[in-house]
N, C-alpha and C. Protein backbone atom coordinates (compact mmCIF):
# COMPACT_ATOMS: atom_id res chain seq x y z
N MET A 1 16.49 -34.13 5.97
CA MET A 1 15.87 -33.46 4.85
C MET A 1 16.59 -32.13 4.60
N ASP A 2 16.96 -31.89 3.37
CA ASP A 2 17.64 -30.65 3.01
C ASP A 2 16.66 -29.49 3.02
N ASN A 3 17.09 -28.35 3.56
CA ASN A 3 16.28 -27.15 3.52
C ASN A 3 16.73 -26.34 2.32
N ARG A 4 15.99 -26.44 1.23
CA ARG A 4 16.35 -25.77 -0.02
C ARG A 4 15.60 -24.45 -0.18
N ARG A 5 14.99 -23.98 0.87
CA ARG A 5 14.20 -22.76 0.81
C ARG A 5 15.08 -21.56 0.50
N GLN A 6 14.65 -20.75 -0.47
CA GLN A 6 15.40 -19.55 -0.83
C GLN A 6 14.73 -18.30 -0.27
N TYR A 7 13.48 -18.42 0.14
CA TYR A 7 12.72 -17.27 0.61
C TYR A 7 12.40 -17.46 2.09
N THR A 8 12.58 -16.42 2.86
CA THR A 8 12.32 -16.48 4.28
C THR A 8 10.83 -16.51 4.55
N ARG A 9 10.42 -17.46 5.37
CA ARG A 9 9.02 -17.56 5.76
C ARG A 9 8.81 -16.82 7.08
N VAL A 10 7.66 -16.15 7.17
CA VAL A 10 7.30 -15.49 8.42
C VAL A 10 6.00 -16.09 8.92
N LEU A 11 5.93 -16.29 10.22
CA LEU A 11 4.70 -16.82 10.80
C LEU A 11 3.59 -15.80 10.63
N PHE A 12 2.47 -16.25 10.11
CA PHE A 12 1.35 -15.35 9.90
C PHE A 12 0.10 -16.21 9.82
N SER A 13 -0.77 -16.06 10.78
CA SER A 13 -1.96 -16.89 10.86
C SER A 13 -3.21 -16.07 10.56
N THR A 14 -3.97 -16.54 9.57
CA THR A 14 -5.24 -15.90 9.23
C THR A 14 -6.07 -16.88 8.41
N PRO A 15 -7.40 -16.78 8.45
CA PRO A 15 -8.23 -17.66 7.63
C PRO A 15 -7.96 -17.44 6.14
N ALA A 16 -8.08 -18.51 5.37
CA ALA A 16 -7.85 -18.44 3.93
C ALA A 16 -8.82 -19.40 3.23
N THR A 17 -8.94 -19.23 1.91
CA THR A 17 -9.73 -20.17 1.12
C THR A 17 -8.86 -20.70 0.00
N LEU A 18 -9.04 -21.97 -0.30
CA LEU A 18 -8.31 -22.65 -1.35
C LEU A 18 -9.33 -23.15 -2.36
N LEU A 19 -9.25 -22.64 -3.58
CA LEU A 19 -10.14 -23.06 -4.66
C LEU A 19 -9.40 -24.11 -5.47
N ILE A 20 -9.91 -25.33 -5.44
CA ILE A 20 -9.28 -26.42 -6.16
C ILE A 20 -10.35 -27.39 -6.64
N ASN A 21 -10.22 -27.84 -7.86
CA ASN A 21 -11.21 -28.73 -8.48
C ASN A 21 -12.62 -28.13 -8.42
N LYS A 22 -12.70 -26.82 -8.62
CA LYS A 22 -13.97 -26.09 -8.62
C LYS A 22 -14.69 -26.15 -7.28
N GLN A 23 -13.95 -26.46 -6.21
CA GLN A 23 -14.52 -26.49 -4.86
C GLN A 23 -13.72 -25.55 -3.97
N ILE A 24 -14.43 -24.84 -3.10
CA ILE A 24 -13.79 -23.93 -2.16
C ILE A 24 -13.62 -24.63 -0.82
N HIS A 25 -12.38 -24.60 -0.30
CA HIS A 25 -12.06 -25.22 0.98
C HIS A 25 -11.53 -24.15 1.93
N SER A 26 -12.04 -24.15 3.15
CA SER A 26 -11.53 -23.24 4.17
C SER A 26 -10.28 -23.84 4.79
N CYS A 27 -9.32 -22.97 5.07
CA CYS A 27 -8.08 -23.40 5.71
C CYS A 27 -7.54 -22.22 6.51
N GLU A 28 -6.42 -22.43 7.15
CA GLU A 28 -5.77 -21.38 7.93
C GLU A 28 -4.36 -21.21 7.40
N LEU A 29 -4.00 -19.98 7.09
CA LEU A 29 -2.64 -19.66 6.68
C LEU A 29 -1.76 -19.80 7.92
N LEU A 30 -0.63 -20.49 7.79
CA LEU A 30 0.27 -20.70 8.91
C LEU A 30 1.53 -19.86 8.80
N ASP A 31 2.11 -19.82 7.60
CA ASP A 31 3.24 -18.94 7.36
C ASP A 31 3.26 -18.56 5.88
N VAL A 32 4.03 -17.52 5.59
CA VAL A 32 4.02 -16.95 4.24
C VAL A 32 5.42 -16.48 3.86
N SER A 33 5.72 -16.57 2.57
CA SER A 33 6.95 -15.99 2.03
C SER A 33 6.55 -15.31 0.72
N LEU A 34 7.52 -14.71 0.05
CA LEU A 34 7.22 -14.07 -1.23
C LEU A 34 6.94 -15.11 -2.32
N ASN A 35 7.26 -16.35 -2.06
CA ASN A 35 7.14 -17.37 -3.09
C ASN A 35 6.22 -18.53 -2.73
N GLY A 36 5.60 -18.49 -1.56
CA GLY A 36 4.72 -19.58 -1.19
C GLY A 36 4.16 -19.43 0.21
N VAL A 37 3.29 -20.38 0.56
CA VAL A 37 2.63 -20.35 1.86
C VAL A 37 2.48 -21.77 2.39
N LEU A 38 2.24 -21.86 3.68
CA LEU A 38 1.90 -23.11 4.33
C LEU A 38 0.52 -22.91 4.93
N VAL A 39 -0.39 -23.84 4.65
CA VAL A 39 -1.76 -23.75 5.16
C VAL A 39 -2.12 -25.05 5.86
N THR A 40 -3.14 -24.97 6.73
CA THR A 40 -3.65 -26.18 7.34
C THR A 40 -4.31 -27.04 6.26
N HIS A 41 -4.33 -28.33 6.48
CA HIS A 41 -4.92 -29.27 5.52
C HIS A 41 -6.45 -29.16 5.65
N PRO A 42 -7.13 -28.68 4.60
CA PRO A 42 -8.59 -28.56 4.66
C PRO A 42 -9.26 -29.93 4.76
N ASN A 43 -10.35 -29.97 5.52
CA ASN A 43 -11.13 -31.20 5.62
C ASN A 43 -11.68 -31.58 4.25
N LYS A 44 -11.69 -32.87 3.98
CA LYS A 44 -12.28 -33.41 2.76
C LYS A 44 -11.60 -32.94 1.47
N LEU A 45 -10.38 -32.45 1.57
CA LEU A 45 -9.66 -32.03 0.37
C LEU A 45 -9.12 -33.26 -0.35
N ASN A 46 -9.43 -33.36 -1.62
CA ASN A 46 -8.92 -34.44 -2.46
C ASN A 46 -8.04 -33.80 -3.52
N ALA A 47 -6.74 -33.81 -3.29
CA ALA A 47 -5.81 -33.14 -4.20
C ALA A 47 -4.51 -33.91 -4.25
N ASP A 48 -3.72 -33.61 -5.26
CA ASP A 48 -2.44 -34.27 -5.46
C ASP A 48 -1.32 -33.25 -5.55
N LYS A 49 -0.11 -33.72 -5.29
CA LYS A 49 1.07 -32.89 -5.44
C LYS A 49 1.15 -32.38 -6.87
N HIS A 50 1.57 -31.13 -7.05
CA HIS A 50 1.70 -30.43 -8.34
C HIS A 50 0.37 -29.97 -8.92
N GLN A 51 -0.72 -30.18 -8.21
CA GLN A 51 -2.02 -29.72 -8.70
C GLN A 51 -2.13 -28.21 -8.52
N SER A 52 -2.77 -27.56 -9.48
CA SER A 52 -2.96 -26.11 -9.45
C SER A 52 -4.18 -25.75 -8.62
N ALA A 53 -4.13 -24.58 -8.00
CA ALA A 53 -5.24 -24.09 -7.18
C ALA A 53 -5.14 -22.57 -7.09
N GLN A 54 -6.07 -21.98 -6.38
CA GLN A 54 -6.04 -20.54 -6.11
C GLN A 54 -6.24 -20.33 -4.62
N LEU A 55 -5.36 -19.53 -4.03
CA LEU A 55 -5.44 -19.23 -2.61
C LEU A 55 -5.81 -17.77 -2.43
N SER A 56 -6.71 -17.49 -1.50
CA SER A 56 -7.10 -16.11 -1.19
C SER A 56 -7.18 -15.95 0.32
N PHE A 57 -6.75 -14.78 0.79
CA PHE A 57 -6.93 -14.43 2.19
C PHE A 57 -7.00 -12.92 2.32
N THR A 58 -7.68 -12.47 3.36
CA THR A 58 -7.83 -11.04 3.64
C THR A 58 -6.95 -10.70 4.83
N LEU A 59 -6.21 -9.61 4.69
CA LEU A 59 -5.37 -9.17 5.80
C LEU A 59 -6.25 -8.76 6.97
N PRO A 60 -5.89 -9.18 8.18
CA PRO A 60 -6.71 -8.86 9.36
C PRO A 60 -6.93 -7.36 9.52
N ASP A 61 -8.12 -7.02 9.98
CA ASP A 61 -8.50 -5.63 10.25
C ASP A 61 -8.38 -4.74 9.02
N SER A 62 -8.64 -5.30 7.84
CA SER A 62 -8.60 -4.51 6.61
C SER A 62 -9.52 -5.15 5.58
N SER A 63 -9.62 -4.51 4.44
CA SER A 63 -10.37 -5.08 3.33
C SER A 63 -9.42 -5.51 2.22
N ILE A 64 -8.13 -5.60 2.54
CA ILE A 64 -7.12 -5.97 1.55
C ILE A 64 -7.12 -7.48 1.37
N ASN A 65 -7.39 -7.89 0.13
CA ASN A 65 -7.43 -9.30 -0.21
C ASN A 65 -6.21 -9.65 -1.06
N ILE A 66 -5.54 -10.72 -0.70
CA ILE A 66 -4.40 -11.22 -1.47
C ILE A 66 -4.83 -12.53 -2.12
N THR A 67 -4.67 -12.60 -3.43
CA THR A 67 -5.03 -13.80 -4.19
C THR A 67 -3.84 -14.21 -5.03
N MET A 68 -3.58 -15.50 -5.06
CA MET A 68 -2.47 -16.01 -5.87
C MET A 68 -2.80 -17.37 -6.45
N ALA A 69 -2.30 -17.61 -7.65
CA ALA A 69 -2.36 -18.94 -8.23
C ALA A 69 -1.23 -19.74 -7.59
N VAL A 70 -1.52 -20.97 -7.19
CA VAL A 70 -0.54 -21.78 -6.49
C VAL A 70 -0.49 -23.19 -7.07
N GLU A 71 0.58 -23.87 -6.72
CA GLU A 71 0.72 -25.29 -7.04
C GLU A 71 1.07 -26.00 -5.75
N ILE A 72 0.46 -27.14 -5.51
CA ILE A 72 0.73 -27.90 -4.29
C ILE A 72 2.15 -28.47 -4.38
N SER A 73 2.99 -28.10 -3.43
CA SER A 73 4.37 -28.59 -3.44
C SER A 73 4.55 -29.80 -2.52
N HIS A 74 3.78 -29.85 -1.44
CA HIS A 74 3.79 -31.04 -0.58
C HIS A 74 2.50 -31.10 0.23
N ILE A 75 2.10 -32.33 0.52
CA ILE A 75 0.88 -32.57 1.30
C ILE A 75 1.27 -33.42 2.51
N GLU A 76 0.96 -32.91 3.68
CA GLU A 76 1.20 -33.63 4.93
C GLU A 76 -0.15 -33.86 5.60
N GLN A 77 -0.16 -34.60 6.68
CA GLN A 77 -1.41 -34.90 7.37
C GLN A 77 -2.09 -33.63 7.89
N LEU A 78 -1.30 -32.69 8.43
CA LEU A 78 -1.88 -31.51 9.06
C LEU A 78 -1.74 -30.22 8.25
N HIS A 79 -0.89 -30.22 7.23
CA HIS A 79 -0.69 -28.99 6.46
C HIS A 79 -0.32 -29.28 5.01
N ILE A 80 -0.42 -28.23 4.19
CA ILE A 80 -0.11 -28.31 2.77
C ILE A 80 0.80 -27.14 2.41
N GLY A 81 1.88 -27.42 1.70
CA GLY A 81 2.78 -26.39 1.21
C GLY A 81 2.37 -25.99 -0.20
N LEU A 82 2.26 -24.70 -0.44
CA LEU A 82 1.83 -24.18 -1.73
C LEU A 82 2.89 -23.25 -2.30
N HIS A 83 3.25 -23.46 -3.56
CA HIS A 83 4.21 -22.63 -4.27
C HIS A 83 3.42 -21.64 -5.13
N CYS A 84 3.73 -20.36 -5.03
CA CYS A 84 3.05 -19.33 -5.82
C CYS A 84 3.53 -19.40 -7.26
N THR A 85 2.58 -19.54 -8.19
CA THR A 85 2.93 -19.59 -9.62
C THR A 85 2.56 -18.30 -10.34
N HIS A 86 1.63 -17.54 -9.77
CA HIS A 86 1.25 -16.24 -10.36
C HIS A 86 0.55 -15.41 -9.30
N ILE A 87 0.86 -14.12 -9.30
CA ILE A 87 0.22 -13.19 -8.37
C ILE A 87 0.14 -11.83 -9.04
N ASP A 88 -0.97 -11.14 -8.88
CA ASP A 88 -1.13 -9.83 -9.52
C ASP A 88 -0.32 -8.77 -8.78
N ILE A 89 -0.13 -7.64 -9.41
CA ILE A 89 0.74 -6.58 -8.88
C ILE A 89 0.24 -6.04 -7.54
N ASP A 90 -1.08 -5.88 -7.38
CA ASP A 90 -1.61 -5.38 -6.10
C ASP A 90 -1.35 -6.38 -4.98
N SER A 91 -1.62 -7.66 -5.26
CA SER A 91 -1.42 -8.68 -4.24
C SER A 91 0.04 -8.82 -3.85
N ILE A 92 0.96 -8.78 -4.82
CA ILE A 92 2.38 -8.92 -4.48
C ILE A 92 2.86 -7.70 -3.70
N SER A 93 2.31 -6.53 -3.99
CA SER A 93 2.68 -5.33 -3.24
C SER A 93 2.28 -5.47 -1.77
N HIS A 94 1.07 -5.96 -1.53
CA HIS A 94 0.60 -6.15 -0.15
C HIS A 94 1.37 -7.29 0.53
N LEU A 95 1.65 -8.35 -0.21
CA LEU A 95 2.40 -9.46 0.35
C LEU A 95 3.82 -9.02 0.71
N LYS A 96 4.44 -8.23 -0.14
CA LYS A 96 5.78 -7.71 0.13
C LYS A 96 5.78 -6.88 1.41
N ARG A 97 4.77 -6.05 1.57
CA ARG A 97 4.67 -5.21 2.78
C ARG A 97 4.45 -6.08 4.02
N LEU A 98 3.64 -7.11 3.90
CA LEU A 98 3.39 -8.03 5.01
C LEU A 98 4.69 -8.71 5.44
N VAL A 99 5.44 -9.20 4.48
CA VAL A 99 6.71 -9.86 4.79
C VAL A 99 7.69 -8.84 5.38
N GLU A 100 7.72 -7.65 4.80
CA GLU A 100 8.62 -6.59 5.27
C GLU A 100 8.35 -6.25 6.73
N LEU A 101 7.10 -6.11 7.10
CA LEU A 101 6.75 -5.76 8.47
C LEU A 101 7.12 -6.86 9.46
N ASN A 102 7.07 -8.11 9.01
CA ASN A 102 7.34 -9.23 9.90
C ASN A 102 8.78 -9.73 9.85
N LEU A 103 9.53 -9.32 8.84
CA LEU A 103 10.90 -9.79 8.68
C LEU A 103 11.89 -8.96 9.47
N GLY A 104 11.74 -7.64 9.41
CA GLY A 104 12.62 -6.76 10.17
C GLY A 104 14.02 -6.60 9.59
N ASP A 105 14.24 -7.03 8.33
CA ASP A 105 15.56 -6.93 7.72
C ASP A 105 15.37 -6.47 6.26
N ASP A 106 15.52 -5.17 6.01
CA ASP A 106 15.30 -4.62 4.67
C ASP A 106 16.23 -5.21 3.62
N SER A 107 17.49 -5.45 3.98
CA SER A 107 18.43 -5.98 2.99
C SER A 107 18.04 -7.39 2.56
N LEU A 108 17.58 -8.21 3.49
CA LEU A 108 17.12 -9.56 3.15
C LEU A 108 15.89 -9.50 2.27
N LEU A 109 14.97 -8.60 2.58
CA LEU A 109 13.76 -8.44 1.78
C LEU A 109 14.10 -8.03 0.35
N HIS A 110 15.00 -7.07 0.18
CA HIS A 110 15.38 -6.60 -1.15
C HIS A 110 16.06 -7.72 -1.95
N ARG A 111 16.87 -8.53 -1.29
CA ARG A 111 17.52 -9.66 -1.96
C ARG A 111 16.47 -10.67 -2.44
N GLU A 112 15.47 -10.93 -1.59
CA GLU A 112 14.43 -11.90 -1.96
C GLU A 112 13.53 -11.37 -3.08
N VAL A 113 13.24 -10.08 -3.07
CA VAL A 113 12.46 -9.49 -4.16
C VAL A 113 13.23 -9.60 -5.47
N ALA A 114 14.52 -9.33 -5.43
CA ALA A 114 15.35 -9.45 -6.64
C ALA A 114 15.37 -10.89 -7.14
N MET A 115 15.46 -11.87 -6.23
CA MET A 115 15.43 -13.29 -6.63
C MET A 115 14.10 -13.62 -7.28
N LEU A 116 13.02 -13.11 -6.72
CA LEU A 116 11.68 -13.38 -7.24
C LEU A 116 11.54 -12.81 -8.65
N ILE A 117 12.03 -11.61 -8.87
CA ILE A 117 11.94 -10.96 -10.18
C ILE A 117 12.76 -11.73 -11.21
N HIS A 118 13.95 -12.15 -10.84
CA HIS A 118 14.84 -12.83 -11.79
C HIS A 118 14.44 -14.29 -12.04
N SER A 119 13.61 -14.86 -11.16
CA SER A 119 13.18 -16.24 -11.38
C SER A 119 11.93 -16.31 -12.25
N SER A 120 11.32 -15.18 -12.55
CA SER A 120 10.09 -15.17 -13.34
C SER A 120 10.36 -15.41 -14.80
């Protein structure tokens, strides 16, 4: 399988909620990038690839909530890959900081932010 990923993923585990088909499903965030996330497969989730949803999670030990509109990019037995289709300015600022703290490479982060801006 080709790895076509353009954004570096960082391991980051925290509870999250996925709003899809007007139903809220609990899941666990497994990793995150500036352009998407990987979450555990919620129980009883009935969804299809390319379906739109909303993902929300709160940063541990804070009241900072990150919310993004997502599209399901792949569904596996144990996890679901989500592509970010829209995120507000506050959420992207916090997400950028989260990735920055876990990435440890400012030049890589700046390159990925530039890619994200130019792909919009």
